[in-house]
């Protein structure tokens, strides 16, 4: 489970900004407040590690706010036994400057550094057997490049994946990130297979589709291998459905996947094309079967629904992103957002509106 994620000097993030995550976390804010950039930073970091990619394979990740300083990212997470770990990465001009992996709490270990990297100087502890270490160092000298992370080297070779590193490997394997309208982890092929099998998965897809459009009576596959939605006697190509219906159906494989194995989902602009009521029902289902759900959105009405239905345990499940007077991105939890006694009786959407209205009345003459 993701516990914390920090970004510094990345795109719009000039100063270090830390996100504290819960089992289900909602990240809300105005346009250009850094919501999607936060997901991009995490997504590209995981890709460079999982795929043994060079840093310059993902140049958007390392576009700094200040070119004279490195981009710095840190990721704190836990495993299913509640052990805690920390990974840090610092990059400048497509080169890895520093890297560290630390066990914060694991069995009898506390604050124990597993490996560190300073440019090409790599030091590690308890990664390899004694008779392997000399050979491994030779392999590192041959394979490691200044624009590859050491973590990606370990994961690609599967060398040294002992108890302390296995949780990091598992984390990268079970995180699925959907940014804006990119559903690359779950697309049409997933739907086709589930519908063809005509089992419980198809029934679940149909039930969720009916949330978006109650007139849908069946979903089948045509001879041309296309998804067909049935509305009584009328048959309609999937791509003729409304954008909200399509998105609802597209996202159902997430639920199916989460029921089969532990999964962490980070979803951007989740409220696009969704009615808040339908989205709240869908999020409630997804959070019940997933290890963790983190979503980004604009519509505060979704928060009102989730809080009313007790999908959120507390206001700390909400992170609000904003820019201060110096145009620096800051965040606060929902608990901090409700500062005055009279705010307690306001819904989240009402509080957002009042803050937004007061702020822009001072900024824009025509409001």
Protein backbone atom coordinates (compact mmCIF):
# COMPACT_ATOMS: atom_id res chain seq x y z
CA UNK A 1 0.00 0.00 0.00
CA UNK A 2 1.22 3.49 -0.84
CA UNK A 3 1.72 5.55 2.30
CA UNK A 4 3.45 8.71 1.06
CA UNK A 5 4.66 10.18 -2.20
CA UNK A 6 6.86 13.28 -2.39
CA UNK A 7 7.83 15.42 -5.40
CA UNK A 8 10.28 18.30 -5.63
CA UNK A 9 11.28 20.46 -8.61
CA UNK A 10 9.11 18.46 -11.03
CA UNK A 11 7.17 20.47 -13.61
CA UNK A 12 4.77 22.69 -11.60
CA UNK A 13 6.09 21.40 -8.25
CA UNK A 14 8.74 23.95 -7.33
CA UNK A 15 8.97 23.02 -3.65
CA UNK A 16 8.77 19.61 -1.99
CA UNK A 17 5.17 18.45 -1.78
CA UNK A 18 4.17 15.30 0.13
CA UNK A 19 0.97 13.33 -0.35
CA UNK A 20 -0.29 11.13 2.49
CA UNK A 21 -2.43 8.29 1.17
CA UNK A 22 -5.15 6.21 2.85
CA UNK A 23 -6.91 3.06 1.64
CA UNK A 24 -9.13 5.32 -0.44
CA UNK A 25 -7.94 8.86 -1.17
CA UNK A 26 -9.56 11.63 -3.18
CA UNK A 27 -7.32 14.36 -4.61
CA UNK A 28 -9.24 17.46 -5.65
CA UNK A 29 -8.28 20.92 -6.84
CA UNK A 30 -8.71 23.54 -9.53
CA UNK A 31 -7.32 23.20 -13.04
CA UNK A 32 -3.51 23.53 -13.19
CA UNK A 33 -3.11 22.70 -9.50
CA UNK A 34 -0.77 19.75 -10.17
CA UNK A 35 -3.14 16.78 -9.88
CA UNK A 36 -2.22 15.01 -13.14
CA UNK A 37 1.47 15.93 -12.79
CA UNK A 38 1.55 14.08 -9.47
CA UNK A 39 0.21 10.94 -11.19
CA UNK A 40 2.66 11.43 -14.07
CA UNK A 41 5.63 11.57 -11.70
CA UNK A 42 4.61 8.34 -10.00
CA UNK A 43 3.66 6.61 -13.25
CA UNK A 44 6.92 7.37 -15.07
CA UNK A 45 9.03 6.45 -12.04
CA UNK A 46 7.38 3.04 -11.80
CA UNK A 47 7.73 2.50 -15.56
CA UNK A 48 11.46 3.19 -15.54
CA UNK A 49 11.82 0.65 -12.72
CA UNK A 50 9.47 -2.05 -14.03
CA UNK A 51 10.64 -1.94 -17.63
CA UNK A 52 14.39 -1.34 -17.06
CA UNK A 53 13.95 1.79 -19.15
CA UNK A 54 16.54 4.48 -19.50
CA UNK A 55 15.73 7.80 -17.93
CA UNK A 56 15.65 9.47 -21.35
CA UNK A 57 12.96 7.01 -22.49
CA UNK A 58 10.54 9.11 -20.42
CA UNK A 59 11.77 12.72 -20.79
CA UNK A 60 8.51 14.26 -19.47
CA UNK A 61 9.29 12.85 -16.03
CA UNK A 62 12.48 14.77 -15.68
CA UNK A 63 11.37 18.16 -16.91
CA UNK A 64 12.43 20.25 -13.90
CA UNK A 65 10.82 23.40 -12.60
CA UNK A 66 14.33 24.83 -12.10
CA UNK A 67 16.90 23.44 -14.56
CA UNK A 68 19.77 24.10 -12.17
CA UNK A 69 18.37 21.65 -9.60
CA UNK A 70 17.58 17.91 -9.72
CA UNK A 71 14.10 16.39 -9.76
CA UNK A 72 13.63 14.46 -6.51
CA UNK A 73 11.01 11.82 -5.84
CA UNK A 74 10.41 9.60 -2.80
CA UNK A 75 7.96 6.78 -2.25
CA UNK A 76 7.01 5.32 1.13
CA UNK A 77 4.95 2.12 1.16
CA UNK A 78 4.02 -0.92 3.22
CA UNK A 79 3.45 -4.63 2.56
CA UNK A 80 0.55 -6.78 3.75
CA UNK A 81 2.36 -7.41 7.07
CA UNK A 82 2.51 -3.63 7.66
CA UNK A 83 6.29 -3.49 7.20
CA UNK A 84 7.39 -0.11 5.83
CA UNK A 85 9.91 0.83 3.14
CA UNK A 86 11.25 3.98 1.47
CA UNK A 87 12.61 4.51 -2.06
CA UNK A 88 14.23 7.80 -3.12
CA UNK A 89 15.39 8.93 -6.56
CA UNK A 90 17.14 12.11 -7.71
CA UNK A 91 17.62 12.90 -11.41
CA UNK A 92 19.19 15.75 -13.35
CA UNK A 93 19.56 16.13 -17.11
CA UNK A 94 18.45 12.52 -17.72
CA UNK A 95 21.09 11.11 -15.38
CA UNK A 96 20.51 9.34 -12.07
CA UNK A 97 22.35 11.35 -9.41
CA UNK A 98 21.21 9.58 -6.26
CA UNK A 99 19.11 6.59 -5.31
CA UNK A 100 18.29 4.93 -2.00
CA UNK A 101 16.21 2.03 -0.74
CA UNK A 102 15.65 1.82 3.00
CA UNK A 103 13.80 -0.54 5.32
CA UNK A 104 11.95 1.65 7.80
CA UNK A 105 10.43 -1.28 9.67
CA UNK A 106 10.83 -4.97 8.84
CA UNK A 107 11.01 -7.75 11.46
CA UNK A 108 14.06 -6.87 13.57
CA UNK A 109 15.29 -4.17 11.17
CA UNK A 110 14.56 -0.45 11.55
CA UNK A 111 15.90 2.42 9.42
CA UNK A 112 18.20 -0.03 7.66
CA UNK A 113 19.62 1.08 4.29
CA UNK A 114 19.58 -1.73 1.70
CA UNK A 115 21.31 0.14 -1.11
CA UNK A 116 22.49 3.65 -1.93
CA UNK A 117 23.72 5.20 -5.11
CA UNK A 118 25.72 8.35 -5.69
CA UNK A 119 26.12 8.74 -9.45
CA UNK A 120 27.75 5.43 -10.46
CA UNK A 121 28.96 4.55 -6.96
CA UNK A 122 26.58 1.84 -5.67
CA UNK A 123 26.69 0.32 -2.19
CA UNK A 124 24.37 -2.45 -1.02
CA UNK A 125 23.71 -4.61 2.03
CA UNK A 126 22.11 -8.05 2.35
CA UNK A 127 21.21 -8.19 -1.33
CA UNK A 128 23.36 -11.05 -2.50
CA UNK A 129 25.00 -14.15 -1.13
CA UNK A 130 28.70 -13.82 -0.29
CA UNK A 131 29.82 -15.98 -3.22
CA UNK A 132 27.65 -13.91 -5.61
CA UNK A 133 28.79 -10.46 -4.62
CA UNK A 134 32.00 -10.27 -6.67
CA UNK A 135 30.26 -11.53 -9.81
CA UNK A 136 27.34 -9.17 -9.27
CA UNK A 137 29.64 -6.16 -8.99
CA UNK A 138 31.22 -7.10 -12.32
CA UNK A 139 27.76 -7.43 -13.92
CA UNK A 140 26.74 -4.04 -12.52
CA UNK A 141 29.85 -2.41 -14.00
CA UNK A 142 28.99 -3.88 -17.39
CA UNK A 143 25.21 -3.37 -17.48
CA UNK A 144 24.51 -0.35 -15.32
CA UNK A 145 24.27 2.93 -17.16
CA UNK A 146 24.08 6.45 -15.73
CA UNK A 147 20.51 6.79 -17.02
CA UNK A 148 19.20 3.51 -15.54
CA UNK A 149 18.03 3.09 -11.96
CA UNK A 150 19.66 0.43 -9.81
CA UNK A 151 16.19 -0.74 -8.75
CA UNK A 152 15.30 -1.47 -12.38
CA UNK A 153 18.54 -3.44 -12.77
CA UNK A 154 17.66 -5.66 -9.80
CA UNK A 155 14.09 -6.20 -10.96
CA UNK A 156 15.08 -7.00 -14.55
CA UNK A 157 17.75 -9.53 -13.55
CA UNK A 158 15.71 -10.92 -10.59
CA UNK A 159 19.02 -11.02 -8.68
CA UNK A 160 18.91 -10.13 -5.01
CA UNK A 161 15.14 -10.13 -4.67
CA UNK A 162 15.26 -11.29 -1.09
CA UNK A 163 12.76 -10.49 1.66
CA UNK A 164 13.59 -6.81 1.98
CA UNK A 165 13.34 -6.00 -1.75
CA UNK A 166 10.49 -8.32 -2.72
CA UNK A 167 7.82 -5.90 -1.36
CA UNK A 168 9.09 -3.15 -3.67
CA UNK A 169 8.95 -5.51 -6.65
CA UNK A 170 5.39 -6.53 -5.69
CA UNK A 171 4.34 -2.89 -5.37
CA UNK A 172 5.45 -2.04 -8.91
CA UNK A 173 3.64 -5.12 -10.21
CA UNK A 174 0.23 -4.40 -8.68
CA UNK A 175 -0.12 -0.65 -9.28
CA UNK A 176 -2.32 0.41 -12.20
CA UNK A 177 -2.40 4.06 -13.20
CA UNK A 178 -4.95 5.58 -15.57
CA UNK A 179 -4.06 9.14 -16.56
CA UNK A 180 -6.76 11.33 -18.17
CA UNK A 181 -8.42 9.16 -20.86
CA UNK A 182 -5.64 6.58 -21.13
CA UNK A 183 -6.98 3.20 -20.03
CA UNK A 184 -3.88 1.35 -21.24
CA UNK A 185 -3.94 -1.26 -18.48
CA UNK A 186 -7.61 -2.12 -19.11
CA UNK A 187 -8.91 -1.77 -22.65
CA UNK A 188 -11.22 -3.40 -25.16
CA UNK A 189 -9.41 -6.75 -25.30
CA UNK A 190 -10.08 -7.24 -21.58
CA UNK A 191 -13.77 -6.58 -22.12
CA UNK A 192 -13.96 -8.89 -25.14
CA UNK A 193 -12.49 -11.81 -23.19
CA UNK A 194 -14.78 -11.32 -20.20
CA UNK A 195 -17.90 -11.03 -22.36
CA UNK A 196 -16.97 -14.04 -24.53
CA UNK A 197 -16.58 -16.22 -21.46
CA UNK A 198 -20.22 -15.44 -20.58
CA UNK A 199 -19.64 -16.11 -16.89
CA UNK A 200 -20.01 -14.11 -13.69
CA UNK A 201 -17.66 -11.45 -15.08
CA UNK A 202 -20.04 -10.70 -17.93
CA UNK A 203 -22.95 -10.43 -15.50
CA UNK A 204 -20.97 -7.92 -13.43
CA UNK A 205 -20.12 -5.86 -16.53
CA UNK A 206 -23.81 -5.82 -17.48
CA UNK A 207 -24.91 -4.78 -13.98
CA UNK A 208 -22.44 -1.89 -13.91
CA UNK A 209 -23.41 -0.86 -17.45
CA UNK A 210 -27.02 -0.58 -16.26
CA UNK A 211 -25.88 1.96 -13.68
CA UNK A 212 -24.98 4.28 -16.55
CA UNK A 213 -27.90 3.32 -18.82
CA UNK A 214 -30.80 1.36 -17.36
CA UNK A 215 -32.11 0.51 -20.85
CA UNK A 216 -29.17 -1.84 -21.59
CA UNK A 217 -30.48 -5.42 -21.44
CA UNK A 218 -27.46 -7.39 -22.69
CA UNK A 219 -23.89 -7.09 -23.96
CA UNK A 220 -22.61 -9.47 -26.65
CA UNK A 221 -19.81 -9.85 -29.20
CA UNK A 222 -20.56 -9.58 -32.95
CA UNK A 223 -19.10 -11.82 -35.65
CA UNK A 224 -16.66 -9.02 -36.38
CA UNK A 225 -15.44 -9.19 -32.78
CA UNK A 226 -17.10 -5.92 -31.77
CA UNK A 227 -18.91 -5.19 -28.50
CA UNK A 228 -22.66 -4.80 -29.01
CA UNK A 229 -25.00 -3.26 -26.42
CA UNK A 230 -28.62 -4.45 -26.53
CA UNK A 231 -31.45 -2.07 -25.67
CA UNK A 232 -34.40 -4.44 -25.83
CA UNK A 233 -34.75 -5.28 -29.54
CA UNK A 234 -32.30 -2.56 -30.59
CA UNK A 235 -28.62 -3.47 -31.05
CA UNK A 236 -26.06 -0.71 -30.81
CA UNK A 237 -22.29 -0.67 -31.40
CA UNK A 238 -20.42 0.01 -28.16
CA UNK A 239 -18.86 3.15 -29.65
CA UNK A 240 -22.32 4.56 -30.38
CA UNK A 241 -23.05 4.64 -26.64
CA UNK A 242 -22.66 7.83 -24.61
CA UNK A 243 -19.22 8.70 -23.27
CA UNK A 244 -20.39 8.02 -19.70
CA UNK A 245 -21.69 4.55 -20.60
CA UNK A 246 -18.50 3.71 -22.47
CA UNK A 247 -16.32 4.81 -19.57
CA UNK A 248 -18.41 2.84 -17.06
CA UNK A 249 -18.07 -0.34 -19.13
CA UNK A 250 -14.38 0.25 -19.87
CA UNK A 251 -13.59 0.50 -16.16
CA UNK A 252 -15.33 -2.73 -15.11
CA UNK A 253 -12.22 -4.91 -15.72
CA UNK A 254 -10.59 -3.03 -12.83
CA UNK A 255 -13.17 -4.53 -10.48
CA UNK A 256 -12.76 -7.98 -11.98
CA UNK A 257 -8.97 -7.81 -11.75
CA UNK A 258 -9.05 -6.57 -8.14
CA UNK A 259 -11.17 -9.56 -7.11
CA UNK A 260 -8.54 -11.95 -8.49
CA UNK A 261 -5.40 -10.37 -7.03
CA UNK A 262 -4.29 -7.52 -4.81
CA UNK A 263 -4.33 -4.25 -6.76
CA UNK A 264 -3.71 -0.53 -6.25
CA UNK A 265 -5.49 1.87 -8.59
CA UNK A 266 -4.64 5.51 -9.29
CA UNK A 267 -7.18 7.12 -11.61
CA UNK A 268 -7.10 10.58 -13.14
CA UNK A 269 -10.18 12.72 -13.88
CA UNK A 270 -12.41 9.96 -12.62
CA UNK A 271 -15.44 12.26 -12.51
CA UNK A 272 -15.30 13.07 -16.24
CA UNK A 273 -18.49 11.82 -17.98
CA UNK A 274 -19.85 10.36 -14.72
CA UNK A 275 -22.88 11.37 -12.71
CA UNK A 276 -21.72 11.75 -9.06
CA UNK A 277 -24.23 9.12 -7.86
CA UNK A 278 -23.03 6.49 -10.37
CA UNK A 279 -19.39 7.29 -9.67
CA UNK A 280 -19.92 7.02 -5.92
CA UNK A 281 -21.51 3.57 -6.32
CA UNK A 282 -18.67 2.46 -8.59
CA UNK A 283 -15.97 3.74 -6.21
CA UNK A 284 -17.66 2.04 -3.29
CA UNK A 285 -17.53 -1.30 -5.13
CA UNK A 286 -13.91 -0.79 -6.24
CA UNK A 287 -12.68 0.19 -2.76
CA UNK A 288 -14.29 -2.92 -1.24
CA UNK A 289 -12.24 -5.33 -3.38
CA UNK A 290 -9.00 -3.34 -3.94
CA UNK A 291 -6.00 -2.94 -1.70
CA UNK A 292 -6.07 0.80 -2.37
CA UNK A 293 -7.83 3.38 -4.57
CA UNK A 294 -6.47 6.88 -5.19
CA UNK A 295 -8.40 9.08 -7.56
CA UNK A 296 -8.13 12.60 -8.93
CA UNK A 297 -11.09 14.76 -9.83
CA UNK A 298 -12.72 18.16 -10.10
CA UNK A 299 -16.31 17.59 -9.00
CA UNK A 300 -16.68 18.11 -5.23
CA UNK A 301 -20.21 16.66 -5.34
CA UNK A 302 -18.52 13.24 -5.51
CA UNK A 303 -16.95 13.95 -2.13
CA UNK A 304 -20.36 14.86 -0.71
CA UNK A 305 -21.78 11.51 -1.83
CA UNK A 306 -18.82 9.47 -0.58
CA UNK A 307 -18.89 11.17 2.81
CA UNK A 308 -22.67 10.72 3.11
CA UNK A 309 -22.40 7.00 2.36
CA UNK A 310 -19.44 6.56 4.72
CA UNK A 311 -17.15 5.33 1.92
CA UNK A 312 -14.65 7.71 3.51
CA UNK A 313 -13.78 7.00 7.13
CA UNK A 314 -12.71 10.58 7.80
CA UNK A 315 -11.91 13.92 6.22
CA UNK A 316 -8.27 12.79 6.06
CA UNK A 317 -9.24 10.72 3.01
CA UNK A 318 -9.39 14.00 1.08
CA UNK A 319 -6.38 15.93 -0.26
CA UNK A 320 -7.03 19.42 -1.60
CA UNK A 321 -4.44 20.92 -3.97
CA UNK A 322 -4.11 24.66 -4.49
CA UNK A 323 -1.66 27.43 -5.40
CA UNK A 324 -0.78 30.00 -2.74
CA UNK A 325 -0.20 33.72 -3.27
CA UNK A 326 3.35 33.02 -4.49
CA UNK A 327 1.98 30.53 -7.05
CA UNK A 328 3.53 27.61 -5.12
CA UNK A 329 1.54 24.37 -5.08
CA UNK A 330 0.42 23.32 -1.61
CA UNK A 331 -1.92 20.66 -0.29
CA UNK A 332 -4.04 20.10 2.78
CA UNK A 333 -6.18 17.28 4.09
CA UNK A 334 -9.94 17.60 4.30
CA UNK A 335 -9.54 17.82 8.06
CA UNK A 336 -7.41 20.97 7.67
CA UNK A 337 -9.83 22.33 5.10
CA UNK A 338 -12.61 22.61 7.68
CA UNK A 339 -10.89 25.21 9.86
CA UNK A 340 -13.68 27.34 11.30
CA UNK A 341 -16.41 26.05 13.61
CA UNK A 342 -19.16 27.20 11.26
CA UNK A 343 -17.65 25.19 8.39
CA UNK A 344 -18.48 21.86 10.04
CA UNK A 345 -22.08 22.06 8.84
CA UNK A 346 -21.09 22.86 5.25
CA UNK A 347 -20.79 20.15 2.64
CA UNK A 348 -17.40 19.84 0.94
CA UNK A 349 -18.80 21.21 -2.32
CA UNK A 350 -20.23 24.26 -0.52
CA UNK A 351 -16.93 24.96 1.19
CA UNK A 352 -15.02 24.63 -2.10
CA UNK A 353 -17.43 27.07 -3.73
CA UNK A 354 -17.18 29.67 -0.96
CA UNK A 355 -13.36 29.54 -0.94
CA UNK A 356 -13.17 29.70 -4.73
CA UNK A 357 -15.68 32.56 -4.94
CA UNK A 358 -13.94 34.65 -2.29
CA UNK A 359 -10.52 34.08 -3.84
CA UNK A 360 -11.47 35.00 -7.39
CA UNK A 361 -13.55 38.01 -6.40
CA UNK A 362 -10.29 39.48 -5.10
CA UNK A 363 -8.40 38.45 -8.24
CA UNK A 364 -10.78 39.19 -11.12
CA UNK A 365 -12.51 42.51 -11.57
CA UNK A 366 -15.31 41.12 -13.76
CA UNK A 367 -16.66 38.63 -11.16
